[in-house]
Amino acid sequence: MNKILRLLFTTILVFSVYHLIRDLLTNFGIHNYIVDFAHRPHLWCGKFYPWVCHWITVPPEIFTLIVSLIVLKRNRVGVLGVLVLLQVPLWLLLVLLP
């Protein structure tokens, strides 16, 4: 794996850890500057039960975290790495939803 991919997966891993911690702290009602930074409620969340909006991002974050570690340990992207890379544009699209 070249240096750019290694840096990309390291960045994804760090962001995943931050996002998972931030979501868990928010779900448990802990708020501070680090937790509330760049966090906003989405309009589509009002259509579901509150627990759906609170916990919907946790499984993909755990998946991304585990797969990023596997990819960095194996030093090979493979199918799992491609799945994580395909998630990046999807997450960027979902961030732009109202």
PDB file of N, CA and C in Angstrom:
ATOM      1  N   MET A   1       0.853  -1.162   0.000  1.00  0.00           N
ATOM      2  CA  MET A   1       0.000   0.000   0.000  1.00  0.00           C
ATOM      3  C   MET A   1       0.906   1.235   0.000  1.00  0.00           C
ATOM      4  N   ASN A   2       0.566   2.197  -0.862  1.00  0.00           N
ATOM      5  CA  ASN A   2       1.416   3.384  -0.931  1.00  0.00           C
ATOM      6  C   ASN A   2       1.114   4.358   0.213  1.00  0.00           C
ATOM      7  N   LYS A   3       1.919   5.391   0.315  1.00  0.00           N
ATOM      8  CA  LYS A   3       1.830   6.326   1.442  1.00  0.00           C
ATOM      9  C   LYS A   3       0.521   7.109   1.444  1.00  0.00           C
ATOM     10  N   ILE A   4       0.015   7.423   0.258  1.00  0.00           N
ATOM     11  CA  ILE A   4      -1.227   8.194   0.180  1.00  0.00           C
ATOM     12  C   ILE A   4      -2.401   7.384   0.726  1.00  0.00           C
ATOM     13  N   LEU A   5      -2.489   6.110   0.349  1.00  0.00           N
ATOM     14  CA  LEU A   5      -3.565   5.263   0.873  1.00  0.00           C
ATOM     15  C   LEU A   5      -3.416   5.045   2.372  1.00  0.00           C
ATOM     16  N   ARG A   6      -2.200   4.885   2.828  1.00  0.00           N
ATOM     17  CA  ARG A   6      -1.961   4.707   4.266  1.00  0.00           C
ATOM     18  C   ARG A   6      -2.406   5.959   5.024  1.00  0.00           C
ATOM     19  N   LEU A   7      -2.069   7.130   4.504  1.00  0.00           N
ATOM     20  CA  LEU A   7      -2.488   8.387   5.119  1.00  0.00           C
ATOM     21  C   LEU A   7      -4.013   8.529   5.081  1.00  0.00           C
ATOM     22  N   LEU A   8      -4.621   8.146   3.971  1.00  0.00           N
ATOM     23  CA  LEU A   8      -6.077   8.223   3.836  1.00  0.00           C
ATOM     24  C   LEU A   8      -6.773   7.326   4.861  1.00  0.00           C
ATOM     25  N   PHE A   9      -6.315   6.087   5.002  1.00  0.00           N
ATOM     26  CA  PHE A   9      -6.934   5.174   5.964  1.00  0.00           C
ATOM     27  C   PHE A   9      -6.642   5.589   7.406  1.00  0.00           C
ATOM     28  N   THR A  10      -5.499   6.189   7.647  1.00  0.00           N
ATOM     29  CA  THR A  10      -5.212   6.709   8.985  1.00  0.00           C
ATOM     30  C   THR A  10      -6.144   7.875   9.305  1.00  0.00           C
ATOM     31  N   THR A  11      -6.367   8.749   8.334  1.00  0.00           N
ATOM     32  CA  THR A  11      -7.285   9.869   8.515  1.00  0.00           C
ATOM     33  C   THR A  11      -8.703   9.375   8.756  1.00  0.00           C
ATOM     34  N   ILE A  12      -9.134   8.388   7.978  1.00  0.00           N
ATOM     35  CA  ILE A  12     -10.466   7.809   8.161  1.00  0.00           C
ATOM     36  C   ILE A  12     -10.579   7.181   9.544  1.00  0.00           C
ATOM     37  N   LEU A  13      -9.539   6.509   9.989  1.00  0.00           N
ATOM     38  CA  LEU A  13      -9.537   5.883  11.312  1.00  0.00           C
ATOM     39  C   LEU A  13      -9.662   6.936  12.418  1.00  0.00           C
ATOM     40  N   VAL A  14      -8.870   7.991  12.338  1.00  0.00           N
ATOM     41  CA  VAL A  14      -8.912   9.047  13.358  1.00  0.00           C
ATOM     42  C   VAL A  14     -10.286   9.718  13.370  1.00  0.00           C
ATOM     43  N   PHE A  15     -10.814  10.024  12.185  1.00  0.00           N
ATOM     44  CA  PHE A  15     -12.133  10.646  12.111  1.00  0.00           C
ATOM     45  C   PHE A  15     -13.208   9.715  12.658  1.00  0.00           C
ATOM     46  N   SER A  16     -13.088   8.433  12.366  1.00  0.00           N
ATOM     47  CA  SER A  16     -14.054   7.449  12.855  1.00  0.00           C
ATOM     48  C   SER A  16     -14.053   7.371  14.376  1.00  0.00           C
ATOM     49  N   VAL A  17     -12.877   7.353  14.961  1.00  0.00           N
ATOM     50  CA  VAL A  17     -12.770   7.302  16.425  1.00  0.00           C
ATOM     51  C   VAL A  17     -13.395   8.556  17.029  1.00  0.00           C
ATOM     52  N   TYR A  18     -13.034   9.724  16.480  1.00  0.00           N
ATOM     53  CA  TYR A  18     -13.600  10.981  16.988  1.00  0.00           C
ATOM     54  C   TYR A  18     -15.117  10.980  16.864  1.00  0.00           C
ATOM     55  N   HIS A  19     -15.619  10.588  15.700  1.00  0.00           N
ATOM     56  CA  HIS A  19     -17.054  10.639  15.447  1.00  0.00           C
ATOM     57  C   HIS A  19     -17.810   9.657  16.335  1.00  0.00           C
ATOM     58  N   LEU A  20     -17.255   8.475  16.545  1.00  0.00           N
ATOM     59  CA  LEU A  20     -17.899   7.490  17.414  1.00  0.00           C
ATOM     60  C   LEU A  20     -17.947   8.000  18.857  1.00  0.00           C
ATOM     61  N   ILE A  21     -16.849   8.534  19.351  1.00  0.00           N
ATOM     62  CA  ILE A  21     -16.822   9.075  20.713  1.00  0.00           C
ATOM     63  C   ILE A  21     -17.795  10.243  20.835  1.00  0.00           C
ATOM     64  N   ARG A  22     -17.791  11.119  19.845  1.00  0.00           N
ATOM     65  CA  ARG A  22     -18.696  12.272  19.869  1.00  0.00           C
ATOM     66  C   ARG A  22     -20.152  11.829  19.884  1.00  0.00           C
ATOM     67  N   ASP A  23     -20.504  10.864  19.042  1.00  0.00           N
ATOM     68  CA  ASP A  23     -21.886  10.393  19.001  1.00  0.00           C
ATOM     69  C   ASP A  23     -22.297   9.712  20.297  1.00  0.00           C
ATOM     70  N   LEU A  24     -21.422   8.906  20.860  1.00  0.00           N
ATOM     71  CA  LEU A  24     -21.752   8.237  22.121  1.00  0.00           C
ATOM     72  C   LEU A  24     -21.929   9.250  23.250  1.00  0.00           C
ATOM     73  N   LEU A  25     -21.044  10.235  23.330  1.00  0.00           N
ATOM     74  CA  LEU A  25     -21.185  11.261  24.364  1.00  0.00           C
ATOM     75  C   LEU A  25     -22.471  12.060  24.175  1.00  0.00           C
ATOM     76  N   THR A  26     -22.792  12.403  22.936  1.00  0.00           N
ATOM     77  CA  THR A  26     -24.026  13.128  22.655  1.00  0.00           C
ATOM     78  C   THR A  26     -25.242  12.290  23.024  1.00  0.00           C
ATOM     79  N   ASN A  27     -25.216  11.003  22.680  1.00  0.00           N
ATOM     80  CA  ASN A  27     -26.346  10.122  22.984  1.00  0.00           C
ATOM     81  C   ASN A  27     -26.575   9.978  24.482  1.00  0.00           C
ATOM     82  N   PHE A  28     -25.512  10.071  25.257  1.00  0.00           N
ATOM     83  CA  PHE A  28     -25.640   9.954  26.705  1.00  0.00           C
ATOM     84  C   PHE A  28     -25.814  11.312  27.389  1.00  0.00           C
ATOM     85  N   GLY A  29     -26.002  12.374  26.590  1.00  0.00           N
ATOM     86  CA  GLY A  29     -26.318  13.689  27.136  1.00  0.00           C
ATOM     87  C   GLY A  29     -25.137  14.496  27.631  1.00  0.00           C
ATOM     88  N   ILE A  30     -23.936  14.150  27.227  1.00  0.00           N
ATOM     89  CA  ILE A  30     -22.744  14.901  27.632  1.00  0.00           C
ATOM     90  C   ILE A  30     -22.416  15.892  26.517  1.00  0.00           C
ATOM     91  N   HIS A  31     -22.406  17.170  26.853  1.00  0.00           N
ATOM     92  CA  HIS A  31     -22.151  18.202  25.850  1.00  0.00           C
ATOM     93  C   HIS A  31     -21.001  19.090  26.302  1.00  0.00           C
ATOM     94  N   ASN A  32     -20.108  19.366  25.369  1.00  0.00           N
ATOM     95  CA  ASN A  32     -19.036  20.338  25.563  1.00  0.00           C
ATOM     96  C   ASN A  32     -18.596  20.811  24.185  1.00  0.00           C
ATOM     97  N   TYR A  33     -17.578  21.652  24.129  1.00  0.00           N
ATOM     98  CA  TYR A  33     -17.162  22.226  22.847  1.00  0.00           C
ATOM     99  C   TYR A  33     -16.707  21.151  21.861  1.00  0.00           C
ATOM    100  N   ILE A  34     -15.955  20.188  22.333  1.00  0.00           N
ATOM    101  CA  ILE A  34     -15.437  19.143  21.445  1.00  0.00           C
ATOM    102  C   ILE A  34     -16.571  18.285  20.898  1.00  0.00           C
ATOM    103  N   VAL A  35     -17.551  18.000  21.732  1.00  0.00           N
ATOM    104  CA  VAL A  35     -18.680  17.163  21.312  1.00  0.00           C
ATOM    105  C   VAL A  35     -19.593  17.930  20.366  1.00  0.00           C
ATOM    106  N   ASP A  36     -19.841  19.194  20.643  1.00  0.00           N
ATOM    107  CA  ASP A  36     -20.798  19.971  19.857  1.00  0.00           C
ATOM    108  C   ASP A  36     -20.191  20.629  18.619  1.00  0.00           C
ATOM    109  N   PHE A  37     -18.884  20.498  18.418  1.00  0.00           N
ATOM    110  CA  PHE A  37     -18.225  21.105  17.263  1.00  0.00           C
ATOM    111  C   PHE A  37     -18.760  20.490  15.967  1.00  0.00           C
ATOM    112  N   ALA A  38     -19.258  21.334  15.075  1.00  0.00           N
ATOM    113  CA  ALA A  38     -19.750  20.928  13.754  1.00  0.00           C
ATOM    114  C   ALA A  38     -20.873  19.896  13.836  1.00  0.00           C
ATOM    115  N   HIS A  39     -21.644  19.940  14.891  1.00  0.00           N
ATOM    116  CA  HIS A  39     -22.769  19.011  15.028  1.00  0.00           C
ATOM    117  C   HIS A  39     -24.057  19.795  14.875  1.00  0.00           C
ATOM    118  N   ARG A  40     -24.950  19.290  14.042  1.00  0.00           N
ATOM    119  CA  ARG A  40     -26.236  19.955  13.871  1.00  0.00           C
ATOM    120  C   ARG A  40     -27.313  18.893  13.712  1.00  0.00           C
ATOM    121  N   PRO A  41     -28.520  19.187  14.157  1.00  0.00           N
ATOM    122  CA  PRO A  41     -29.609  18.232  13.967  1.00  0.00           C
ATOM    123  C   PRO A  41     -30.080  18.262  12.512  1.00  0.00           C
ATOM    124  N   HIS A  42     -30.502  17.135  12.014  1.00  0.00           N
ATOM    125  CA  HIS A  42     -31.004  17.042  10.642  1.00  0.00           C
ATOM    126  C   HIS A  42     -32.525  17.015  10.652  1.00  0.00           C
ATOM    127  N   LEU A  43     -33.141  17.610   9.641  1.00  0.00           N
ATOM    128  CA  LEU A  43     -34.598  17.668   9.577  1.00  0.00           C
ATOM    129  C   LEU A  43     -35.224  16.288   9.413  1.00  0.00           C
ATOM    130  N   TRP A  44     -34.556  15.386   8.711  1.00  0.00           N
ATOM    131  CA  TRP A  44     -35.148  14.074   8.461  1.00  0.00           C
ATOM    132  C   TRP A  44     -35.267  13.254   9.738  1.00  0.00           C
ATOM    133  N   CYS A  45     -34.549  13.623  10.778  1.00  0.00           N
ATOM    134  CA  CYS A  45     -34.602  12.873  12.037  1.00  0.00           C
ATOM    135  C   CYS A  45     -35.957  12.982  12.720  1.00  0.00           C
ATOM    136  N   GLY A  46     -36.687  14.042  12.481  1.00  0.00           N
ATOM    137  CA  GLY A  46     -37.974  14.227  13.134  1.00  0.00           C
ATOM    138  C   GLY A  46     -39.016  13.209  12.715  1.00  0.00           C
ATOM    139  N   LYS A  47     -38.792  12.508  11.613  1.00  0.00           N
ATOM    140  CA  LYS A  47     -39.765  11.548  11.096  1.00  0.00           C
ATOM    141  C   LYS A  47     -39.642  10.174  11.738  1.00  0.00           C
ATOM    142  N   PHE A  48     -38.613   9.951  12.506  1.00  0.00           N
ATOM    143  CA  PHE A  48     -38.367   8.640  13.106  1.00  0.00           C
ATOM    144  C   PHE A  48     -38.419   8.738  14.624  1.00  0.00           C
ATOM    145  N   TYR A  49     -38.403   7.580  15.246  1.00  0.00           N
ATOM    146  CA  TYR A  49     -38.294   7.560  16.701  1.00  0.00           C
ATOM    147  C   TYR A  49     -36.952   8.169  17.096  1.00  0.00           C
ATOM    148  N   PRO A  50     -36.875   8.802  18.261  1.00  0.00           N
ATOM    149  CA  PRO A  50     -35.607   9.455  18.656  1.00  0.00           C
ATOM    150  C   PRO A  50     -34.409   8.516  18.688  1.00  0.00           C
ATOM    151  N   TRP A  51     -34.600   7.264  19.045  1.00  0.00           N
ATOM    152  CA  TRP A  51     -33.454   6.363  19.141  1.00  0.00           C
ATOM    153  C   TRP A  51     -32.847   6.073  17.780  1.00  0.00           C
ATOM    154  N   VAL A  52     -33.658   6.177  16.709  1.00  0.00           N
ATOM    155  CA  VAL A  52     -33.121   5.930  15.363  1.00  0.00           C
ATOM    156  C   VAL A  52     -32.069   6.975  15.026  1.00  0.00           C
ATOM    157  N   CYS A  53     -32.378   8.230  15.269  1.00  0.00           N
ATOM    158  CA  CYS A  53     -31.434   9.303  14.941  1.00  0.00           C
ATOM    159  C   CYS A  53     -30.199   9.264  15.829  1.00  0.00           C
ATOM    160  N   HIS A  54     -30.380   8.841  17.066  1.00  0.00           N
ATOM    161  CA  HIS A  54     -29.241   8.804  17.982  1.00  0.00           C
ATOM    162  C   HIS A  54     -28.266   7.684  17.643  1.00  0.00           C
ATOM    163  N   TRP A  55     -28.767   6.557  17.205  1.00  0.00           N
ATOM    164  CA  TRP A  55     -27.914   5.375  17.077  1.00  0.00           C
ATOM    165  C   TRP A  55     -27.666   4.934  15.635  1.00  0.00           C
ATOM    166  N   ILE A  56     -28.208   5.642  14.644  1.00  0.00           N
ATOM    167  CA  ILE A  56     -28.108   5.183  13.257  1.00  0.00           C
ATOM    168  C   ILE A  56     -26.672   5.202  12.724  1.00  0.00           C
ATOM    169  N   THR A  57     -25.828   6.065  13.235  1.00  0.00           N
ATOM    170  CA  THR A  57     -24.458   6.157  12.715  1.00  0.00           C
ATOM    171  C   THR A  57     -23.469   5.251  13.438  1.00  0.00           C
ATOM    172  N   VAL A  58     -23.864   4.691  14.563  1.00  0.00           N
ATOM    173  CA  VAL A  58     -22.913   3.908  15.362  1.00  0.00           C
ATOM    174  C   VAL A  58     -22.448   2.626  14.655  1.00  0.00           C
ATOM    175  N   PRO A  59     -23.335   1.785  14.101  1.00  0.00           N
ATOM    176  CA  PRO A  59     -22.837   0.570  13.428  1.00  0.00           C
ATOM    177  C   PRO A  59     -21.882   0.847  12.260  1.00  0.00           C
ATOM    178  N   PRO A  60     -22.200   1.800  11.350  1.00  0.00           N
ATOM    179  CA  PRO A  60     -21.224   2.075  10.287  1.00  0.00           C
ATOM    180  C   PRO A  60     -19.894   2.623  10.808  1.00  0.00           C
ATOM    181  N   GLU A  61     -19.941   3.391  11.889  1.00  0.00           N
ATOM    182  CA  GLU A  61     -18.695   3.916  12.457  1.00  0.00           C
ATOM    183  C   GLU A  61     -17.839   2.794  13.030  1.00  0.00           C
ATOM    184  N   ILE A  62     -18.477   1.852  13.709  1.00  0.00           N
ATOM    185  CA  ILE A  62     -17.735   0.707  14.251  1.00  0.00           C
ATOM    186  C   ILE A  62     -17.152  -0.119  13.111  1.00  0.00           C
ATOM    187  N   PHE A  63     -17.936  -0.337  12.053  1.00  0.00           N
ATOM    188  CA  PHE A  63     -17.449  -1.070  10.883  1.00  0.00           C
ATOM    189  C   PHE A  63     -16.236  -0.368  10.279  1.00  0.00           C
ATOM    190  N   THR A  64     -16.347   0.936  10.068  1.00  0.00           N
ATOM    191  CA  THR A  64     -15.251   1.702   9.474  1.00  0.00           C
ATOM    192  C   THR A  64     -14.011   1.656  10.354  1.00  0.00           C
ATOM    193  N   LEU A  65     -14.198   1.753  11.643  1.00  0.00           N
ATOM    194  CA  LEU A  65     -13.082   1.706  12.586  1.00  0.00           C
ATOM    195  C   LEU A  65     -12.359   0.363  12.512  1.00  0.00           C
ATOM    196  N   ILE A  66     -13.103  -0.720  12.568  1.00  0.00           N
ATOM    197  CA  ILE A  66     -12.503  -2.061  12.542  1.00  0.00           C
ATOM    198  C   ILE A  66     -11.828  -2.331  11.202  1.00  0.00           C
ATOM    199  N   VAL A  67     -12.509  -1.997  10.111  1.00  0.00           N
ATOM    200  CA  VAL A  67     -11.944  -2.269   8.782  1.00  0.00           C
ATOM    201  C   VAL A  67     -10.705  -1.420   8.528  1.00  0.00           C
ATOM    202  N   SER A  68     -10.706  -0.174   8.969  1.00  0.00           N
ATOM    203  CA  SER A  68      -9.516   0.669   8.794  1.00  0.00           C
ATOM    204  C   SER A  68      -8.323   0.075   9.531  1.00  0.00           C
ATOM    205  N   LEU A  69      -8.558  -0.432  10.730  1.00  0.00           N
ATOM    206  CA  LEU A  69      -7.478  -1.096  11.467  1.00  0.00           C
ATOM    207  C   LEU A  69      -6.980  -2.336  10.721  1.00  0.00           C
ATOM    208  N   ILE A  70      -7.906  -3.119  10.174  1.00  0.00           N
ATOM    209  CA  ILE A  70      -7.523  -4.325   9.425  1.00  0.00           C
ATOM    210  C   ILE A  70      -6.699  -3.953   8.202  1.00  0.00           C
ATOM    211  N   VAL A  71      -7.152  -2.940   7.465  1.00  0.00           N
ATOM    212  CA  VAL A  71      -6.439  -2.517   6.252  1.00  0.00           C
ATOM    213  C   VAL A  71      -5.037  -2.021   6.601  1.00  0.00           C
ATOM    214  N   LEU A  72      -4.919  -1.228   7.658  1.00  0.00           N
ATOM    215  CA  LEU A  72      -3.600  -0.719   8.045  1.00  0.00           C
ATOM    216  C   LEU A  72      -2.692  -1.838   8.543  1.00  0.00           C
ATOM    217  N   LYS A  73      -3.259  -2.824   9.218  1.00  0.00           N
ATOM    218  CA  LYS A  73      -2.451  -3.941   9.715  1.00  0.00           C
ATOM    219  C   LYS A  73      -1.990  -4.843   8.569  1.00  0.00           C
ATOM    220  N   ARG A  74      -2.897  -5.134   7.637  1.00  0.00           N
ATOM    221  CA  ARG A  74      -2.553  -5.994   6.498  1.00  0.00           C
ATOM    222  C   ARG A  74      -1.654  -5.295   5.489  1.00  0.00           C
ATOM    223  N   ASN A  75      -1.715  -3.959   5.485  1.00  0.00           N
ATOM    224  CA  ASN A  75      -0.963  -3.167   4.515  1.00  0.00           C
ATOM    225  C   ASN A  75      -1.433  -3.448   3.083  1.00  0.00           C
ATOM    226  N   ARG A  76      -2.734  -3.729   2.967  1.00  0.00           N
ATOM    227  CA  ARG A  76      -3.345  -4.033   1.669  1.00  0.00           C
ATOM    228  C   ARG A  76      -4.794  -3.586   1.728  1.00  0.00           C
ATOM    229  N   VAL A  77      -5.271  -2.926   0.683  1.00  0.00           N
ATOM    230  CA  VAL A  77      -6.626  -2.380   0.696  1.00  0.00           C
ATOM    231  C   VAL A  77      -7.661  -3.493   0.603  1.00  0.00           C
ATOM    232  N   GLY A  78      -7.676  -4.274  -0.438  1.00  0.00           N
ATOM    233  CA  GLY A  78      -8.611  -5.382  -0.578  1.00  0.00           C
ATOM    234  C   GLY A  78     -10.061  -4.928  -0.653  1.00  0.00           C
ATOM    235  N   VAL A  79     -10.971  -5.889  -0.555  1.00  0.00           N
ATOM    236  CA  VAL A  79     -12.405  -5.623  -0.667  1.00  0.00           C
ATOM    237  C   VAL A  79     -12.898  -4.779   0.510  1.00  0.00           C
ATOM    238  N   LEU A  80     -12.435  -5.089   1.710  1.00  0.00           N
ATOM    239  CA  LEU A  80     -12.863  -4.323   2.879  1.00  0.00           C
ATOM    240  C   LEU A  80     -12.460  -2.857   2.760  1.00  0.00           C
ATOM    241  N   GLY A  81     -11.265  -2.612   2.302  1.00  0.00           N
ATOM    242  CA  GLY A  81     -10.805  -1.237   2.128  1.00  0.00           C
ATOM    243  C   GLY A  81     -11.614  -0.489   1.092  1.00  0.00           C
ATOM    244  N   VAL A  82     -11.978  -1.184   0.020  1.00  0.00           N
ATOM    245  CA  VAL A  82     -12.808  -0.562  -1.014  1.00  0.00           C
ATOM    246  C   VAL A  82     -14.174  -0.197  -0.435  1.00  0.00           C
ATOM    247  N   LEU A  83     -14.737  -1.067   0.413  1.00  0.00           N
ATOM    248  CA  LEU A  83     -16.023  -0.757   1.048  1.00  0.00           C
ATOM    249  C   LEU A  83     -15.933   0.505   1.904  1.00  0.00           C
ATOM    250  N   VAL A  84     -14.847   0.661   2.622  1.00  0.00           N
ATOM    251  CA  VAL A  84     -14.664   1.871   3.434  1.00  0.00           C
ATOM    252  C   VAL A  84     -14.503   3.090   2.530  1.00  0.00           C
ATOM    253  N   LEU A  85     -13.743   2.953   1.462  1.00  0.00           N
ATOM    254  CA  LEU A  85     -13.547   4.080   0.551  1.00  0.00           C
ATOM    255  C   LEU A  85     -14.842   4.471  -0.148  1.00  0.00           C
ATOM    256  N   LEU A  86     -15.724   3.507  -0.390  1.00  0.00           N
ATOM    257  CA  LEU A  86     -17.020   3.818  -0.993  1.00  0.00           C
ATOM    258  C   LEU A  86     -17.933   4.552  -0.009  1.00  0.00           C
ATOM    259  N   GLN A  87     -17.701   4.381   1.272  1.00  0.00           N
ATOM    260  CA  GLN A  87     -18.510   5.069   2.281  1.00  0.00           C
ATOM    261  C   GLN A  87     -18.205   6.561   2.349  1.00  0.00           C
ATOM    262  N   VAL A  88     -17.005   6.948   2.022  1.00  0.00           N
ATOM    263  CA  VAL A  88     -16.594   8.350   2.180  1.00  0.00           C
ATOM    264  C   VAL A  88     -17.492   9.296   1.378  1.00  0.00           C
ATOM    265  N   PRO A  89     -17.711   9.079   0.057  1.00  0.00           N
ATOM    266  CA  PRO A  89     -18.607   9.997  -0.658  1.00  0.00           C
ATOM    267  C   PRO A  89     -20.045   9.918  -0.151  1.00  0.00           C
ATOM    268  N   LEU A  90     -20.460   8.744   0.304  1.00  0.00           N
ATOM    269  CA  LEU A  90     -21.811   8.600   0.846  1.00  0.00           C
ATOM    270  C   LEU A  90     -21.981   9.443   2.111  1.00  0.00           C
ATOM    271  N   TRP A  91     -20.993   9.397   3.019  1.00  0.00           N
ATOM    272  CA  TRP A  91     -21.055  10.206   4.236  1.00  0.00           C
ATOM    273  C   TRP A  91     -21.052  11.693   3.893  1.00  0.00           C
ATOM    274  N   LEU A  92     -20.246  12.090   2.912  1.00  0.00           N
ATOM    275  CA  LEU A  92     -20.211  13.501   2.521  1.00  0.00           C
ATOM    276  C   LEU A  92     -21.563  13.944   1.976  1.00  0.00           C
ATOM    277  N   LEU A  93     -22.219  13.072   1.219  1.00  0.00           N
ATOM    278  CA  LEU A  93     -23.550  13.375   0.701  1.00  0.00           C
ATOM    279  C   LEU A  93     -24.564  13.499   1.839  1.00  0.00           C
ATOM    280  N   LEU A  94     -24.508  12.590   2.800  1.00  0.00           N
ATOM    281  CA  LEU A  94     -25.453  12.617   3.919  1.00  0.00           C
ATOM    282  C   LEU A  94     -25.262  13.839   4.812  1.00  0.00           C
ATOM    283  N   VAL A  95     -24.040  14.336   4.896  1.00  0.00           N
ATOM    284  CA  VAL A  95     -23.787  15.542   5.692  1.00  0.00           C
ATOM    285  C   VAL A  95     -24.509  16.737   5.081  1.00  0.00           C
ATOM    286  N   LEU A  96     -24.647  16.741   3.764  1.00  0.00           N
ATOM    287  CA  LEU A  96     -25.271  17.870   3.086  1.00  0.00           C
ATOM    288  C   LEU A  96     -26.795  17.844   3.142  1.00  0.00           C
ATOM    289  N   LEU A  97     -27.390  16.730   3.576  1.00  0.00           N
ATOM    290  CA  LEU A  97     -28.848  16.668   3.688  1.00  0.00           C
ATOM    291  C   LEU A  97     -29.335  17.640   4.755  1.00  0.00           C
ATOM    292  N   PRO A  98     -30.495  18.241   4.508  1.00  0.00           N
ATOM    293  CA  PRO A  98     -31.028  19.181   5.521  1.00  0.00           C
ATOM    294  C   PRO A  98     -31.494  18.472   6.770  1.00  0.00           C
TER     295      PRO A  98
END
